[in-house]
Amino acid sequence: MKPDANHIYYADILMRAPMASCNNLVSEISERVALEGDFLRQILTAMETVVVGQLPLIERILVALLANGHLLIEGVPGLAKTTVVKTLASLIDSRFQRIQFTPDLLPADLVGTLVYNPREGDFSTRKGPIFTNILLADEINRAPSKVHSALLEAMEERQVTISDCTYPLDEPFLVMATQNPIEQDGTYPLPEAQMDRFMLKIKVSYPSREEEREIMQRSARTKRPAALTPLIHPADIVRARALVDAIYLDEKIEKYILDLVFATRDPSKYGLGDLARFISYGASPRASIYLAVAARALALIRGRGYVIPQDIKEIGPDILRHRIITSYEADAEGVTVDDIMDRLFAETEVP
């Protein structure tokens, strides 16, 4: 994608950073955030009229969208995962596709295939549902590995190969995959290589009693609610990504990110030596990259032109959760990844 005027403008801000004082730089970026980030607050307000609770999930979807990443959601059925993403897609005036992954799904069902035309005697390309802006891959762990491989190219390369032709995907492109923590019979666990391609892995829990009462009062109707009016266009999301790149990330925050990631690989160097026996493999370099860009996106959603340590603490568990591989000893003693992350964030020095 060629850089637009916004990317050029924000790149100029970053290039001038060494020559300008930190305060002036942050002030300038904050003004742009206040001016151009208002549409995010409008989206959050509109989502609250349809979805009760689930604010962390909504924010994480926006983070993935702004940071040009993908997210994996784990939760039992009935927690409004599909409703959230469909509502968001309608507010962005973008194309939305939902695919129910099943054991008999084929790669061609996802990306498309060549169709023979007997009258002309040639083949034409029939594109699959992956050619969209927002793709909901429902119960992704029920599809076989060949389908996972086809999805992997689209997620990583933002393109699809059908026969000997490659087709670029439109921007923005977001894959929101769900997997069910129950009913594991007949599932195909995602390989670590594909899990690493997801920027975020989110665990969705049951609503509180008050939230569920409100859900019941809103939804216990035979009439479906009216569709929401789109607030923005996909091009607005692409422009907002340039603003994400300009959010100020201090060197101390960068050091904090690296400390967290490296502590998963060598806990003893960071005063967490007793965790070493519970971790087989630590987080990959993608964790550092995604932590930085996701924290910037979260700061933008919160209306700030700079990243604070709390942004890292909020978004960090969702980025590290699927990148820390626990050992057999951890399984034997009932130590989970979330237990490890609790120690990691509690005992790593905060700038």
Protein backbone atom coordinates (compact mmCIF):
# COMPACT_ATOMS: atom_id res chain seq x y z
CA MET A 1 0.00 0.00 0.00
CA LYS A 2 1.41 3.39 -0.96
CA PRO A 3 1.86 5.86 1.89
CA ASP A 4 -0.93 8.43 2.04
CA ALA A 5 -0.76 11.99 3.32
CA ASN A 6 -1.42 10.86 6.91
CA HIS A 7 1.46 8.38 6.90
CA ILE A 8 3.78 11.05 5.49
CA TYR A 9 2.62 13.54 8.11
CA TYR A 10 3.14 11.17 11.06
CA ALA A 11 6.45 9.93 9.69
CA ASP A 12 7.59 13.56 9.65
CA ILE A 13 6.61 13.91 13.32
CA LEU A 14 8.67 10.86 14.26
CA MET A 15 11.68 12.02 12.25
CA ARG A 16 11.61 15.34 14.09
CA ALA A 17 11.47 13.63 17.49
CA PRO A 18 15.21 13.92 18.26
CA MET A 19 15.11 17.65 17.43
CA ALA A 20 12.03 18.50 19.47
CA SER A 21 11.51 18.19 23.19
CA CYS A 22 9.62 15.11 24.37
CA ASN A 23 6.84 17.24 25.86
CA ASN A 24 6.26 19.14 22.62
CA LEU A 25 6.20 15.92 20.62
CA VAL A 26 3.69 14.25 22.94
CA SER A 27 1.56 17.39 23.00
CA GLU A 28 1.43 17.52 19.22
CA ILE A 29 0.49 13.85 18.91
CA SER A 30 -2.14 14.19 21.67
CA GLU A 31 -3.78 17.03 19.77
CA ARG A 32 -4.03 14.82 16.70
CA VAL A 33 -5.46 11.99 18.81
CA ALA A 34 -8.14 14.28 20.25
CA LEU A 35 -8.95 15.57 16.76
CA GLU A 36 -8.97 12.32 14.79
CA GLY A 37 -9.70 9.63 17.41
CA ASP A 38 -13.21 10.71 18.29
CA PHE A 39 -14.75 8.12 15.94
CA LEU A 40 -13.43 5.34 18.20
CA ARG A 41 -15.41 6.67 21.14
CA GLN A 42 -18.47 6.89 18.90
CA ILE A 43 -18.03 3.21 17.99
CA LEU A 44 -17.71 2.19 21.64
CA THR A 45 -20.85 4.16 22.54
CA ALA A 46 -22.81 2.60 19.68
CA MET A 47 -21.63 -0.91 20.63
CA GLU A 48 -22.93 -0.42 24.16
CA THR A 49 -26.45 0.02 22.76
CA VAL A 50 -26.34 -3.53 21.39
CA VAL A 51 -23.88 -5.47 23.57
CA VAL A 52 -24.08 -5.56 27.36
CA GLY A 53 -20.68 -5.68 29.04
CA GLN A 54 -17.84 -7.31 27.08
CA LEU A 55 -16.01 -3.96 26.94
CA PRO A 56 -12.58 -5.67 27.14
CA LEU A 57 -13.52 -7.85 24.15
CA ILE A 58 -14.75 -4.84 22.15
CA GLU A 59 -11.58 -2.90 22.93
CA ARG A 60 -9.37 -5.85 21.94
CA ILE A 61 -11.14 -6.18 18.60
CA LEU A 62 -10.54 -2.48 17.95
CA VAL A 63 -6.90 -2.90 19.01
CA ALA A 64 -6.44 -5.73 16.50
CA LEU A 65 -8.17 -3.70 13.80
CA LEU A 66 -6.05 -0.59 14.43
CA ALA A 67 -2.82 -2.56 14.86
CA ASN A 68 -3.38 -4.62 11.70
CA GLY A 69 -3.45 -7.90 13.62
CA HIS A 70 -5.79 -10.83 14.24
CA LEU A 71 -7.32 -12.26 17.38
CA LEU A 72 -8.33 -15.64 18.77
CA ILE A 73 -11.21 -15.79 21.24
CA GLU A 74 -11.81 -18.67 23.60
CA GLY A 75 -15.14 -18.94 25.35
CA VAL A 76 -18.18 -21.11 25.79
CA PRO A 77 -21.14 -20.64 23.41
CA GLY A 78 -23.63 -17.84 23.95
CA LEU A 79 -21.29 -15.05 25.10
CA ALA A 80 -22.08 -12.67 22.20
CA LYS A 81 -18.83 -13.25 20.32
CA THR A 82 -20.60 -13.32 16.95
CA THR A 83 -22.88 -10.43 17.89
CA VAL A 84 -19.92 -8.24 18.82
CA VAL A 85 -18.06 -8.74 15.56
CA LYS A 86 -21.19 -8.42 13.37
CA THR A 87 -22.15 -5.19 15.12
CA LEU A 88 -18.65 -3.80 14.70
CA ALA A 89 -18.64 -4.71 11.02
CA SER A 90 -21.94 -2.89 10.49
CA LEU A 91 -20.62 0.24 12.23
CA ILE A 92 -17.56 0.30 9.97
CA ASP A 93 -19.62 -0.21 6.81
CA SER A 94 -17.34 -3.09 5.90
CA ARG A 95 -17.85 -6.49 4.38
CA PHE A 96 -18.36 -9.30 6.88
CA GLN A 97 -18.25 -13.06 6.43
CA ARG A 98 -18.82 -15.82 8.94
CA ILE A 99 -17.50 -19.32 8.28
CA GLN A 100 -18.49 -22.26 10.47
CA PHE A 101 -15.38 -24.45 10.54
CA THR A 102 -16.17 -28.17 10.40
CA PRO A 103 -14.06 -31.34 9.95
CA ASP A 104 -15.15 -31.68 6.32
CA LEU A 105 -14.25 -28.09 5.36
CA LEU A 106 -11.85 -27.83 2.41
CA PRO A 107 -9.35 -25.06 1.62
CA ALA A 108 -11.35 -24.25 -1.52
CA ASP A 109 -14.40 -23.57 0.66
CA LEU A 110 -12.39 -20.83 2.31
CA VAL A 111 -10.21 -19.21 -0.36
CA GLY A 112 -12.05 -20.18 -3.55
CA THR A 113 -11.22 -22.35 -6.54
CA LEU A 114 -11.05 -22.58 -10.33
CA VAL A 115 -14.36 -23.33 -12.05
CA TYR A 116 -14.46 -24.93 -15.52
CA ASN A 117 -16.66 -23.22 -18.11
CA PRO A 118 -17.67 -25.93 -20.64
CA ARG A 119 -19.04 -23.40 -23.13
CA GLU A 120 -15.80 -21.42 -23.38
CA GLY A 121 -13.56 -24.37 -22.59
CA ASP A 122 -11.53 -22.47 -19.97
CA PHE A 123 -11.34 -21.91 -16.21
CA SER A 124 -12.43 -18.90 -14.20
CA THR A 125 -11.61 -18.01 -10.60
CA ARG A 126 -14.40 -18.11 -8.05
CA LYS A 127 -13.23 -16.27 -4.95
CA GLY A 128 -14.17 -17.64 -1.55
CA PRO A 129 -15.56 -15.92 1.55
CA ILE A 130 -12.08 -14.99 2.76
CA PHE A 131 -12.22 -12.01 0.38
CA THR A 132 -13.79 -9.69 2.92
CA ASN A 133 -12.82 -7.08 5.50
CA ILE A 134 -13.81 -8.88 8.70
CA LEU A 135 -13.80 -12.67 8.80
CA LEU A 136 -15.28 -14.62 11.68
CA ALA A 137 -13.74 -18.10 11.74
CA ASP A 138 -16.14 -19.84 14.09
CA GLU A 139 -14.73 -22.85 15.98
CA ILE A 140 -11.48 -22.74 14.03
CA ASN A 141 -10.11 -25.79 15.83
CA ARG A 142 -12.73 -28.03 14.18
CA ALA A 143 -11.16 -27.70 10.71
CA PRO A 144 -8.25 -29.87 9.50
CA SER A 145 -4.68 -28.64 9.10
CA LYS A 146 -4.98 -27.98 5.34
CA VAL A 147 -7.63 -25.35 6.03
CA HIS A 148 -5.42 -23.84 8.74
CA SER A 149 -2.59 -23.57 6.22
CA ALA A 150 -4.79 -21.78 3.70
CA LEU A 151 -5.90 -19.32 6.37
CA LEU A 152 -2.29 -18.81 7.49
CA GLU A 153 -1.24 -17.29 4.17
CA ALA A 154 -4.11 -14.82 4.25
CA MET A 155 -3.35 -13.80 7.84
CA GLU A 156 0.38 -13.37 7.40
CA GLU A 157 0.79 -12.26 3.79
CA ARG A 158 -2.57 -10.51 3.29
CA GLN A 159 -2.97 -12.44 0.05
CA VAL A 160 -4.54 -15.64 -1.27
CA THR A 161 -3.13 -18.05 -3.85
CA ILE A 162 -5.58 -19.93 -6.09
CA SER A 163 -3.85 -22.27 -8.53
CA ASP A 164 -0.92 -20.23 -9.89
CA CYS A 165 -2.43 -16.78 -9.28
CA THR A 166 -2.08 -14.61 -6.19
CA TYR A 167 -4.79 -12.14 -5.16
CA PRO A 168 -4.23 -9.38 -2.59
CA LEU A 169 -6.84 -8.90 0.12
CA ASP A 170 -8.51 -5.58 0.73
CA GLU A 171 -7.63 -3.45 3.75
CA PRO A 172 -8.56 -3.57 6.49
CA PHE A 173 -8.51 -7.35 6.87
CA LEU A 174 -9.22 -8.84 10.28
CA VAL A 175 -9.55 -12.51 11.20
CA MET A 176 -11.46 -13.10 14.40
CA ALA A 177 -11.32 -16.80 15.24
CA THR A 178 -13.19 -18.52 18.04
CA GLN A 179 -12.60 -21.83 19.71
CA ASN A 180 -14.69 -23.66 22.25
CA PRO A 181 -12.91 -24.82 25.44
CA ILE A 182 -15.48 -27.63 25.81
CA GLU A 183 -16.48 -30.45 23.45
CA GLN A 184 -12.92 -31.19 22.33
CA ASP A 185 -13.86 -34.42 20.52
CA GLY A 186 -13.22 -34.11 16.79
CA THR A 187 -11.09 -31.00 17.04
CA TYR A 188 -7.71 -30.21 15.49
CA PRO A 189 -5.62 -28.10 17.88
CA LEU A 190 -3.95 -25.16 16.20
CA PRO A 191 -0.20 -25.60 15.77
CA GLU A 192 2.06 -23.20 17.68
CA ALA A 193 3.22 -21.61 14.42
CA GLN A 194 -0.31 -20.52 13.58
CA MET A 195 -1.14 -19.52 17.14
CA ASP A 196 1.83 -17.16 17.00
CA ARG A 197 0.25 -15.38 14.01
CA PHE A 198 -2.63 -14.21 16.18
CA MET A 199 -1.79 -10.91 17.83
CA LEU A 200 -4.18 -11.54 20.73
CA LYS A 201 -5.76 -14.50 22.46
CA ILE A 202 -8.71 -13.47 24.60
CA LYS A 203 -10.61 -15.50 27.16
CA VAL A 204 -14.26 -14.49 27.42
CA SER A 205 -16.04 -15.29 30.67
CA TYR A 206 -19.67 -15.28 31.74
CA PRO A 207 -21.33 -11.91 32.43
CA SER A 208 -22.07 -10.77 35.94
CA ARG A 209 -25.52 -11.25 37.44
CA GLU A 210 -26.45 -7.61 36.79
CA GLU A 211 -25.19 -7.77 33.21
CA GLU A 212 -27.08 -10.98 32.52
CA ARG A 213 -30.27 -9.47 33.87
CA GLU A 214 -29.88 -6.55 31.46
CA ILE A 215 -29.14 -8.97 28.63
CA MET A 216 -32.33 -10.86 29.45
CA GLN A 217 -34.42 -7.69 29.56
CA ARG A 218 -33.05 -6.49 26.21
CA SER A 219 -33.03 -9.75 24.31
CA ALA A 220 -36.10 -11.61 25.57
CA ARG A 221 -38.10 -10.32 22.62
CA THR A 222 -39.39 -11.93 19.45
CA LYS A 223 -38.46 -8.88 17.37
CA ARG A 224 -34.89 -8.42 16.26
CA PRO A 225 -33.28 -5.04 17.04
CA ALA A 226 -32.90 -2.57 14.17
CA ALA A 227 -29.60 -2.49 12.31
CA LEU A 228 -27.13 0.23 13.29
CA THR A 229 -26.17 2.99 10.90
CA PRO A 230 -22.53 2.84 9.73
CA LEU A 231 -20.34 5.49 11.35
CA ILE A 232 -17.10 5.13 9.39
CA HIS A 233 -15.65 3.49 6.30
CA PRO A 234 -12.75 1.03 5.99
CA ALA A 235 -10.56 3.84 4.67
CA ASP A 236 -10.94 5.59 8.04
CA ILE A 237 -9.41 2.57 9.80
CA VAL A 238 -6.47 2.55 7.38
CA ARG A 239 -5.87 6.26 8.07
CA ALA A 240 -6.12 5.69 11.82
CA ARG A 241 -3.29 3.15 11.62
CA ALA A 242 -0.94 5.98 10.66
CA LEU A 243 -1.92 7.70 13.91
CA VAL A 244 -1.21 4.50 15.84
CA ASP A 245 2.34 4.48 14.46
CA ALA A 246 2.84 8.04 15.74
CA ILE A 247 1.78 7.33 19.36
CA TYR A 248 4.78 8.09 21.57
CA LEU A 249 6.53 5.05 23.09
CA ASP A 250 9.21 6.00 25.58
CA GLU A 251 12.49 4.10 25.85
CA LYS A 252 11.58 3.08 29.39
CA ILE A 253 8.38 1.48 28.09
CA GLU A 254 10.40 -0.32 25.40
CA LYS A 255 12.71 -1.66 28.13
CA TYR A 256 9.67 -2.80 30.13
CA ILE A 257 8.35 -4.70 27.10
CA LEU A 258 11.69 -6.41 26.54
CA ASP A 259 12.01 -7.30 30.23
CA LEU A 260 8.62 -9.01 30.15
CA VAL A 261 9.33 -10.96 26.97
CA PHE A 262 12.87 -12.00 27.94
CA ALA A 263 11.68 -13.04 31.40
CA THR A 264 9.55 -15.72 29.71
CA ARG A 265 12.68 -17.12 28.07
CA ASP A 266 15.13 -16.88 30.98
CA PRO A 267 13.19 -16.28 34.22
CA SER A 268 16.25 -16.65 36.45
CA LYS A 269 17.85 -13.47 35.05
CA TYR A 270 14.80 -11.47 36.15
CA GLY A 271 14.36 -12.88 39.66
CA LEU A 272 11.78 -15.46 38.58
CA GLY A 273 14.00 -18.53 38.62
CA ASP A 274 11.34 -20.80 40.13
CA LEU A 275 9.21 -20.29 37.00
CA ALA A 276 11.85 -21.81 34.72
CA ARG A 277 10.69 -25.38 35.41
CA PHE A 278 7.14 -24.47 34.33
CA ILE A 279 8.09 -22.93 30.95
CA SER A 280 9.26 -25.04 28.02
CA TYR A 281 9.40 -22.18 25.51
CA GLY A 282 9.10 -18.45 26.05
CA ALA A 283 7.47 -15.82 23.88
CA SER A 284 8.75 -15.22 20.35
CA PRO A 285 9.98 -11.86 19.00
CA ARG A 286 6.48 -11.29 17.66
CA ALA A 287 5.46 -10.75 21.28
CA SER A 288 7.73 -7.69 21.56
CA ILE A 289 6.48 -6.30 18.25
CA TYR A 290 2.83 -6.88 19.05
CA LEU A 291 3.16 -5.52 22.59
CA ALA A 292 4.51 -2.24 21.24
CA VAL A 293 1.95 -1.75 18.48
CA ALA A 294 -1.02 -3.02 20.51
CA ALA A 295 -0.14 -0.73 23.42
CA ARG A 296 -0.07 2.20 21.00
CA ALA A 297 -3.49 1.22 19.65
CA LEU A 298 -4.90 0.90 23.18
CA ALA A 299 -3.51 4.35 24.06
CA LEU A 300 -5.29 5.77 21.01
CA ILE A 301 -8.58 4.16 22.08
CA ARG A 302 -8.11 5.70 25.54
CA GLY A 303 -7.55 9.12 23.95
CA ARG A 304 -3.83 9.48 24.72
CA GLY A 305 -0.91 10.29 22.45
CA TYR A 306 1.52 8.26 24.53
CA VAL A 307 1.84 4.78 26.06
CA ILE A 308 1.89 4.25 29.83
CA PRO A 309 2.88 1.08 31.74
CA GLN A 310 -0.78 0.35 32.50
CA ASP A 311 -1.38 -0.11 28.75
CA ILE A 312 1.26 -2.85 28.72
CA LYS A 313 -0.23 -4.49 31.81
CA GLU A 314 -3.73 -4.48 30.30
CA ILE A 315 -2.91 -5.76 26.84
CA GLY A 316 0.15 -7.85 27.74
CA PRO A 317 -1.62 -11.01 29.01
CA ASP A 318 -3.66 -11.27 25.79
CA ILE A 319 -0.47 -11.12 23.72
CA LEU A 320 1.64 -13.50 25.83
CA ARG A 321 -1.07 -16.04 26.75
CA HIS A 322 -0.64 -18.22 23.63
CA ARG A 323 3.11 -17.67 23.24
CA ILE A 324 4.24 -19.23 26.50
CA ILE A 325 4.45 -23.02 26.21
CA THR A 326 4.14 -24.69 29.60
CA SER A 327 6.09 -27.79 30.60
CA TYR A 328 4.86 -31.21 31.66
CA GLU A 329 5.79 -30.26 35.21
CA ALA A 330 3.41 -27.29 35.04
CA ASP A 331 0.62 -29.57 33.84
CA ALA A 332 1.34 -32.04 36.64
CA GLU A 333 1.22 -29.32 39.31
CA GLY A 334 -1.78 -27.50 37.82
CA VAL A 335 0.16 -24.34 36.99
CA THR A 336 -1.49 -22.49 34.09
CA VAL A 337 -0.20 -19.87 31.70
CA ASP A 338 -2.34 -17.29 33.48
CA ASP A 339 -0.65 -18.20 36.77
CA ILE A 340 2.73 -17.64 35.16
CA MET A 341 1.65 -14.29 33.72
CA ASP A 342 0.32 -13.15 37.09
CA ARG A 343 3.79 -13.64 38.55
CA LEU A 344 5.44 -12.12 35.51
CA PHE A 345 3.51 -8.85 35.63
CA ALA A 346 3.50 -8.64 39.43
CA GLU A 347 7.26 -9.03 39.87
CA THR A 348 8.75 -7.40 36.75
CA GLU A 349 9.94 -3.90 37.57
CA VAL A 350 7.62 -1.22 36.21
CA PRO A 351 9.15 2.03 34.87
